[in-house]
């Protein structure tokens, strides 16, 4: 019984290791890519049109944080400065929004953030699910230290 149990455990570990290797190379499905991309772009459009809500601002902030971390980790490193400028534009827009009492983005901020979201979309398509999960873990770690873009509820 111990031999059989030992073999079973060994086979189980081998299967788990193979599954882990396969998952580390897995990519987001086409449906998930569309959902993520559409959500971010719709949120951005609503903010630009002055119809955005807190959830829309958080959606865009999260996408920019993800793009930044993926750039830092080598997936589009050459776009890091652009993504950081887009984050700065979103922060400025939040300040402007407080003056008018609703979430708004000016045309320049909108154009810059659109570019950054296009980078995010390309990264999401190219990244493995393991890389995305690792980036999300890093975003959460930084959020606990207040070192990523964070938008609180205001309107």
Foldseek 3Di string as FASTA:
>chain_A
DVVVVVVVVVVVVVVVVVVVVVQQQAADDPVVLVVLLVLLLVLLVCLAVQNHFLVSLQSLQVLLLLLLLLLVVPLVVVCNVLSVVLLVQSVVQVVVCVVVVTRHHHPVSSVSSVVSSVSSSVCNRPHRVNSSVVSVVVVVVVVVVVNGRDGDGDD
